[in-house]
Amino acid sequence: MATDAILAPADDRNINRRIGRPARTKCPPPFLSKTYDLLEEQEEENNKCKEQNKVVSWNVEGSGFVVWCPAEFSELMLPKYFKHNNFSSFIRQLNTYGFKKVASKRWEFQHIKFQKGCRHLLAEIARKKCEPSAFPAYLNPSEKSTLLARNEENTTRELLMEENQNLRKERLELQMQIAHFKTLEVKLLQCLSQCVGSPQNKTRRLF
């Protein structure tokens, strides 16, 4: 009986811990909070200086964000919020939390729970579970770090190749537009030459 009397309060305390104590509020990862703060502050700056070119902003729907100028973003924004200026590292962090690049011609990223005006959803975003190591167990730390560095270089190279391909497409489209306008210009000037009927206009060579 005495033993029961002594154990009872401890049991009651355990029950209170499991039932009575409220659950702790889950805090969002620092990377997500800093990225969200960056976008909110830039939104205010963009509203104050509407004529200024945007470096980064929410997209029109508020369902994602766009890095309009990666060079300025890396030079000005990343050191201020993340203490580095590596754009590729920033993208890898986004991938770690499940963000997707959703546009081919610009750096636009989306996550279903990363939205303008919904800061409370950040706590529900979790890092992807670590996949089993792709490195053999016999590799020493220096060899593993070398392979990791190579993987990072490959990721950066792929991003640059994608950007280069997009630039080539844009260049080709511009060249086609220029050729089209030159053709229209020649036809228009030919019509004007015929209307005027001047020998000088008829023999004029146009390029």
C-alpha atoms as a PDB file:
ATOM      1  CA  MET A   1       0.000   0.000   0.000  1.00  0.00           C
ATOM      2  CA  ALA A   2       2.770   2.404   0.935  1.00  0.00           C
ATOM      3  CA  THR A   3       4.535   1.667  -2.307  1.00  0.00           C
ATOM      4  CA  ASP A   4       1.369   2.414  -4.259  1.00  0.00           C
ATOM      5  CA  ALA A   5       0.968   5.712  -2.426  1.00  0.00           C
ATOM      6  CA  ILE A   6       4.489   6.745  -3.339  1.00  0.00           C
ATOM      7  CA  LEU A   7       4.227   5.814  -7.046  1.00  0.00           C
ATOM      8  CA  ALA A   8       0.838   7.389  -7.638  1.00  0.00           C
ATOM      9  CA  PRO A   9       1.974  11.032  -7.783  1.00  0.00           C
ATOM     10  CA  ALA A  10       4.742  10.150 -10.259  1.00  0.00           C
ATOM     11  CA  ASP A  11       2.220   8.366 -12.472  1.00  0.00           C
ATOM     12  CA  ASP A  12      -0.034  11.401 -12.288  1.00  0.00           C
ATOM     13  CA  ARG A  13       2.831  13.668 -13.360  1.00  0.00           C
ATOM     14  CA  ASN A  14       3.596  11.420 -16.343  1.00  0.00           C
ATOM     15  CA  ILE A  15      -0.049  11.519 -17.390  1.00  0.00           C
ATOM     16  CA  ASN A  16      -0.075  15.304 -17.074  1.00  0.00           C
ATOM     17  CA  ARG A  17       2.997  15.558 -19.257  1.00  0.00           C
ATOM     18  CA  ARG A  18       1.367  13.453 -21.970  1.00  0.00           C
ATOM     19  CA  ILE A  19      -2.105  14.952 -21.801  1.00  0.00           C
ATOM     20  CA  GLY A  20      -2.170  18.304 -20.054  1.00  0.00           C
ATOM     21  CA  ARG A  21       0.921  19.986 -21.447  1.00  0.00           C
ATOM     22  CA  PRO A  22       0.318  21.823 -24.766  1.00  0.00           C
ATOM     23  CA  ALA A  23       2.420  20.864 -27.760  1.00  0.00           C
ATOM     24  CA  ARG A  24       5.331  23.112 -28.610  1.00  0.00           C
ATOM     25  CA  THR A  25       4.898  25.483 -31.528  1.00  0.00           C
ATOM     26  CA  LYS A  26       6.950  24.289 -34.467  1.00  0.00           C
ATOM     27  CA  CYS A  27       9.335  26.914 -35.837  1.00  0.00           C
ATOM     28  CA  PRO A  28      10.079  27.123 -39.562  1.00  0.00           C
ATOM     29  CA  PRO A  29      13.617  26.382 -40.779  1.00  0.00           C
ATOM     30  CA  PRO A  30      15.880  29.473 -40.729  1.00  0.00           C
ATOM     31  CA  PHE A  31      16.559  29.212 -44.467  1.00  0.00           C
ATOM     32  CA  LEU A  32      12.845  29.475 -45.269  1.00  0.00           C
ATOM     33  CA  SER A  33      12.295  32.325 -42.821  1.00  0.00           C
ATOM     34  CA  LYS A  34      15.200  34.300 -44.256  1.00  0.00           C
ATOM     35  CA  THR A  35      14.029  33.721 -47.837  1.00  0.00           C
ATOM     36  CA  TYR A  36      10.520  34.835 -46.902  1.00  0.00           C
ATOM     37  CA  ASP A  37      11.863  37.944 -45.108  1.00  0.00           C
ATOM     38  CA  LEU A  38      13.996  38.749 -48.131  1.00  0.00           C
ATOM     39  CA  LEU A  39      10.968  38.661 -50.432  1.00  0.00           C
ATOM     40  CA  GLU A  40       8.790  40.703 -48.086  1.00  0.00           C
ATOM     41  CA  GLU A  41      11.431  43.408 -47.682  1.00  0.00           C
ATOM     42  CA  GLN A  42      12.072  43.508 -51.405  1.00  0.00           C
ATOM     43  CA  GLU A  43       8.333  43.819 -51.983  1.00  0.00           C
ATOM     44  CA  GLU A  44       8.334  46.979 -49.875  1.00  0.00           C
ATOM     45  CA  GLU A  45      11.375  48.343 -51.724  1.00  0.00           C
ATOM     46  CA  ASN A  46       9.799  47.582 -55.096  1.00  0.00           C
ATOM     47  CA  ASN A  47       6.616  49.404 -54.086  1.00  0.00           C
ATOM     48  CA  LYS A  48       8.602  52.469 -52.998  1.00  0.00           C
ATOM     49  CA  CYS A  49      10.744  52.571 -56.147  1.00  0.00           C
ATOM     50  CA  LYS A  50       8.486  51.347 -58.935  1.00  0.00           C
ATOM     51  CA  GLU A  51      10.840  52.576 -61.654  1.00  0.00           C
ATOM     52  CA  GLN A  52      13.728  50.527 -60.254  1.00  0.00           C
ATOM     53  CA  ASN A  53      14.466  47.204 -61.943  1.00  0.00           C
ATOM     54  CA  LYS A  54      13.463  44.264 -59.779  1.00  0.00           C
ATOM     55  CA  VAL A  55      16.142  41.882 -58.573  1.00  0.00           C
ATOM     56  CA  VAL A  56      13.788  39.405 -56.908  1.00  0.00           C
ATOM     57  CA  SER A  57      10.044  39.434 -56.228  1.00  0.00           C
ATOM     58  CA  TRP A  58       6.937  37.346 -55.700  1.00  0.00           C
ATOM     59  CA  ASN A  59       5.302  36.226 -58.921  1.00  0.00           C
ATOM     60  CA  VAL A  60       1.989  37.748 -59.970  1.00  0.00           C
ATOM     61  CA  GLU A  61      -0.112  35.071 -58.250  1.00  0.00           C
ATOM     62  CA  GLY A  62       1.965  35.109 -55.059  1.00  0.00           C
ATOM     63  CA  SER A  63       2.443  31.354 -55.405  1.00  0.00           C
ATOM     64  CA  GLY A  64       6.195  31.553 -55.904  1.00  0.00           C
ATOM     65  CA  PHE A  65       9.047  33.970 -56.496  1.00  0.00           C
ATOM     66  CA  VAL A  66      11.300  35.032 -59.357  1.00  0.00           C
ATOM     67  CA  VAL A  67      14.985  35.929 -59.280  1.00  0.00           C
ATOM     68  CA  TRP A  68      15.045  38.427 -62.130  1.00  0.00           C
ATOM     69  CA  CYS A  69      18.755  39.184 -61.950  1.00  0.00           C
ATOM     70  CA  PRO A  70      20.841  36.310 -60.527  1.00  0.00           C
ATOM     71  CA  ALA A  71      24.071  38.338 -60.650  1.00  0.00           C
ATOM     72  CA  GLU A  72      22.755  41.201 -58.507  1.00  0.00           C
ATOM     73  CA  PHE A  73      20.857  38.754 -56.303  1.00  0.00           C
ATOM     74  CA  SER A  74      24.093  36.880 -55.571  1.00  0.00           C
ATOM     75  CA  GLU A  75      26.100  40.036 -55.021  1.00  0.00           C
ATOM     76  CA  LEU A  76      23.634  42.052 -52.948  1.00  0.00           C
ATOM     77  CA  MET A  77      20.971  39.807 -51.404  1.00  0.00           C
ATOM     78  CA  LEU A  78      22.689  36.545 -50.514  1.00  0.00           C
ATOM     79  CA  PRO A  79      25.508  38.067 -48.414  1.00  0.00           C
ATOM     80  CA  LYS A  80      22.977  40.140 -46.485  1.00  0.00           C
ATOM     81  CA  TYR A  81      20.688  37.249 -45.556  1.00  0.00           C
ATOM     82  CA  PHE A  82      22.796  34.093 -45.903  1.00  0.00           C
ATOM     83  CA  LYS A  83      26.426  35.248 -45.537  1.00  0.00           C
ATOM     84  CA  HIS A  84      27.486  33.846 -48.914  1.00  0.00           C
ATOM     85  CA  ASN A  85      27.142  34.835 -52.568  1.00  0.00           C
ATOM     86  CA  ASN A  86      26.749  31.442 -54.216  1.00  0.00           C
ATOM     87  CA  PHE A  87      23.568  31.313 -56.311  1.00  0.00           C
ATOM     88  CA  SER A  88      24.003  27.603 -57.009  1.00  0.00           C
ATOM     89  CA  SER A  89      24.160  26.904 -53.274  1.00  0.00           C
ATOM     90  CA  PHE A  90      20.918  28.864 -52.793  1.00  0.00           C
ATOM     91  CA  ILE A  91      19.229  26.751 -55.477  1.00  0.00           C
ATOM     92  CA  ARG A  92      20.456  23.520 -53.877  1.00  0.00           C
ATOM     93  CA  GLN A  93      18.912  24.643 -50.592  1.00  0.00           C
ATOM     94  CA  LEU A  94      15.612  25.262 -52.362  1.00  0.00           C
ATOM     95  CA  ASN A  95      15.769  21.785 -53.869  1.00  0.00           C
ATOM     96  CA  THR A  96      16.427  20.355 -50.413  1.00  0.00           C
ATOM     97  CA  TYR A  97      13.073  21.725 -49.250  1.00  0.00           C
ATOM     98  CA  GLY A  98      11.160  20.555 -52.326  1.00  0.00           C
ATOM     99  CA  PHE A  99      10.996  23.773 -54.369  1.00  0.00           C
ATOM    100  CA  LYS A 100      10.569  23.369 -58.119  1.00  0.00           C
ATOM    101  CA  LYS A 101      11.847  25.555 -60.969  1.00  0.00           C
ATOM    102  CA  VAL A 102       8.673  26.185 -62.955  1.00  0.00           C
ATOM    103  CA  ALA A 103       9.816  28.389 -65.853  1.00  0.00           C
ATOM    104  CA  SER A 104      12.341  27.690 -68.594  1.00  0.00           C
ATOM    105  CA  LYS A 105      13.291  31.289 -69.392  1.00  0.00           C
ATOM    106  CA  ARG A 106      13.571  32.701 -65.883  1.00  0.00           C
ATOM    107  CA  TRP A 107      14.536  31.631 -62.375  1.00  0.00           C
ATOM    108  CA  GLU A 108      11.061  31.106 -60.931  1.00  0.00           C
ATOM    109  CA  PHE A 109      10.555  28.738 -58.003  1.00  0.00           C
ATOM    110  CA  GLN A 110       7.421  27.422 -56.309  1.00  0.00           C
ATOM    111  CA  HIS A 111       6.414  25.326 -53.322  1.00  0.00           C
ATOM    112  CA  ILE A 112       2.799  24.622 -52.445  1.00  0.00           C
ATOM    113  CA  LYS A 113       3.347  25.886 -48.875  1.00  0.00           C
ATOM    114  CA  PHE A 114       5.587  28.859 -49.689  1.00  0.00           C
ATOM    115  CA  GLN A 115       3.146  31.586 -50.663  1.00  0.00           C
ATOM    116  CA  LYS A 116       2.787  35.325 -50.250  1.00  0.00           C
ATOM    117  CA  GLY A 117       0.833  36.222 -47.107  1.00  0.00           C
ATOM    118  CA  CYS A 118       1.039  32.673 -45.703  1.00  0.00           C
ATOM    119  CA  ARG A 119       4.064  32.768 -43.420  1.00  0.00           C
ATOM    120  CA  HIS A 120       2.379  30.316 -41.041  1.00  0.00           C
ATOM    121  CA  LEU A 121       2.737  27.556 -43.653  1.00  0.00           C
ATOM    122  CA  LEU A 122       6.537  27.710 -43.508  1.00  0.00           C
ATOM    123  CA  ALA A 123       6.598  25.495 -40.426  1.00  0.00           C
ATOM    124  CA  GLU A 124       4.963  22.725 -42.456  1.00  0.00           C
ATOM    125  CA  ILE A 125       7.800  22.602 -44.989  1.00  0.00           C
ATOM    126  CA  ALA A 126      10.347  19.932 -44.158  1.00  0.00           C
ATOM    127  CA  ARG A 127      13.656  18.984 -45.669  1.00  0.00           C
ATOM    128  CA  LYS A 128      13.694  15.988 -47.952  1.00  0.00           C
ATOM    129  CA  LYS A 129      14.711  12.798 -46.223  1.00  0.00           C
ATOM    130  CA  CYS A 130      18.330  11.923 -46.764  1.00  0.00           C
ATOM    131  CA  GLU A 131      18.736   9.299 -49.433  1.00  0.00           C
ATOM    132  CA  PRO A 132      21.128   6.398 -48.830  1.00  0.00           C
ATOM    133  CA  SER A 133      24.695   7.434 -49.455  1.00  0.00           C
ATOM    134  CA  ALA A 134      25.857   6.922 -53.017  1.00  0.00           C
ATOM    135  CA  PHE A 135      29.453   6.704 -51.847  1.00  0.00           C
ATOM    136  CA  PRO A 136      31.066   3.344 -51.062  1.00  0.00           C
ATOM    137  CA  ALA A 137      31.835   2.792 -47.390  1.00  0.00           C
ATOM    138  CA  TYR A 138      35.547   2.315 -48.063  1.00  0.00           C
ATOM    139  CA  LEU A 139      36.019   5.916 -49.263  1.00  0.00           C
ATOM    140  CA  ASN A 140      37.834   8.141 -46.799  1.00  0.00           C
ATOM    141  CA  PRO A 141      36.459  11.635 -45.909  1.00  0.00           C
ATOM    142  CA  SER A 142      38.738  13.465 -48.332  1.00  0.00           C
ATOM    143  CA  GLU A 143      37.572  11.298 -51.248  1.00  0.00           C
ATOM    144  CA  LYS A 144      33.953  11.826 -50.280  1.00  0.00           C
ATOM    145  CA  SER A 145      34.427  15.589 -50.119  1.00  0.00           C
ATOM    146  CA  THR A 146      36.046  15.475 -53.556  1.00  0.00           C
ATOM    147  CA  LEU A 147      33.060  13.602 -54.993  1.00  0.00           C
ATOM    148  CA  LEU A 148      30.667  16.043 -53.342  1.00  0.00           C
ATOM    149  CA  ALA A 149      32.557  18.946 -54.867  1.00  0.00           C
ATOM    150  CA  ARG A 150      32.312  17.287 -58.271  1.00  0.00           C
ATOM    151  CA  ASN A 151      28.570  16.813 -57.832  1.00  0.00           C
ATOM    152  CA  GLU A 152      28.204  20.493 -56.991  1.00  0.00           C
ATOM    153  CA  GLU A 153      30.221  21.421 -60.054  1.00  0.00           C
ATOM    154  CA  ASN A 154      27.997  19.199 -62.196  1.00  0.00           C
ATOM    155  CA  THR A 155      24.878  20.851 -60.789  1.00  0.00           C
ATOM    156  CA  THR A 156      26.279  24.308 -61.490  1.00  0.00           C
ATOM    157  CA  ARG A 157      27.300  23.238 -64.996  1.00  0.00           C
ATOM    158  CA  GLU A 158      23.794  21.920 -65.710  1.00  0.00           C
ATOM    159  CA  LEU A 159      22.235  25.188 -64.544  1.00  0.00           C
ATOM    160  CA  LEU A 160      24.598  27.218 -66.709  1.00  0.00           C
ATOM    161  CA  MET A 161      23.959  24.965 -69.708  1.00  0.00           C
ATOM    162  CA  GLU A 162      20.215  25.395 -69.274  1.00  0.00           C
ATOM    163  CA  GLU A 163      20.597  29.166 -69.045  1.00  0.00           C
ATOM    164  CA  ASN A 164      22.883  29.168 -72.098  1.00  0.00           C
ATOM    165  CA  GLN A 165      20.364  27.137 -74.071  1.00  0.00           C
ATOM    166  CA  ASN A 166      17.595  29.582 -73.161  1.00  0.00           C
ATOM    167  CA  LEU A 167      19.746  32.514 -74.258  1.00  0.00           C
ATOM    168  CA  ARG A 168      20.442  30.814 -77.585  1.00  0.00           C
ATOM    169  CA  LYS A 169      16.725  30.323 -78.167  1.00  0.00           C
ATOM    170  CA  GLU A 170      16.051  33.971 -77.392  1.00  0.00           C
ATOM    171  CA  ARG A 171      18.853  35.023 -79.727  1.00  0.00           C
ATOM    172  CA  LEU A 172      17.437  32.886 -82.543  1.00  0.00           C
ATOM    173  CA  GLU A 173      13.968  34.348 -82.028  1.00  0.00           C
ATOM    174  CA  LEU A 174      15.374  37.884 -82.142  1.00  0.00           C
ATOM    175  CA  GLN A 175      17.321  37.115 -85.324  1.00  0.00           C
ATOM    176  CA  MET A 176      14.161  35.793 -86.971  1.00  0.00           C
ATOM    177  CA  GLN A 177      12.247  38.921 -85.936  1.00  0.00           C
ATOM    178  CA  ILE A 178      15.006  41.170 -87.300  1.00  0.00           C
ATOM    179  CA  ALA A 179      15.019  39.296 -90.632  1.00  0.00           C
ATOM    180  CA  HIS A 180      11.235  39.615 -90.837  1.00  0.00           C
ATOM    181  CA  PHE A 181      11.323  43.366 -90.199  1.00  0.00           C
ATOM    182  CA  LYS A 182      14.114  43.829 -92.751  1.00  0.00           C
ATOM    183  CA  THR A 183      11.994  42.053 -95.357  1.00  0.00           C
ATOM    184  CA  LEU A 184       9.054  44.319 -94.557  1.00  0.00           C
ATOM    185  CA  GLU A 185      11.309  47.350 -94.793  1.00  0.00           C
ATOM    186  CA  VAL A 186      12.554  46.350 -98.234  1.00  0.00           C
ATOM    187  CA  LYS A 187       9.021  45.738 -99.521  1.00  0.00           C
ATOM    188  CA  LEU A 188       7.799  49.035 -98.108  1.00  0.00           C
ATOM    189  CA  LEU A 189      10.623  50.994 -99.698  1.00  0.00           C
ATOM    190  CA  GLN A 190      10.068  49.219-103.015  1.00  0.00           C
ATOM    191  CA  CYS A 191       6.421  50.267-102.924  1.00  0.00           C
ATOM    192  CA  LEU A 192       7.397  53.843-102.145  1.00  0.00           C
ATOM    193  CA  SER A 193       9.924  53.786-104.980  1.00  0.00           C
ATOM    194  CA  GLN A 194       7.304  52.581-107.434  1.00  0.00           C
ATOM    195  CA  CYS A 195       4.825  55.203-106.270  1.00  0.00           C
ATOM    196  CA  VAL A 196       7.290  58.036-106.618  1.00  0.00           C
ATOM    197  CA  GLY A 197       8.517  56.752-109.982  1.00  0.00           C
ATOM    198  CA  SER A 198      11.895  58.375-109.647  1.00  0.00           C
ATOM    199  CA  PRO A 199      14.784  56.662-111.496  1.00  0.00           C
ATOM    200  CA  GLN A 200      17.010  57.308-108.495  1.00  0.00           C
ATOM    201  CA  ASN A 201      14.603  55.495-106.219  1.00  0.00           C
ATOM    202  CA  LYS A 202      14.295  52.588-108.629  1.00  0.00           C
ATOM    203  CA  THR A 203      18.046  52.026-108.807  1.00  0.00           C
ATOM    204  CA  ARG A 204      18.661  52.553-105.110  1.00  0.00           C
ATOM    205  CA  ARG A 205      20.073  49.493-103.389  1.00  0.00           C
ATOM    206  CA  LEU A 206      18.746  48.708 -99.943  1.00  0.00           C
ATOM    207  CA  PHE A 207      20.298  46.515 -97.304  1.00  0.00           C
END
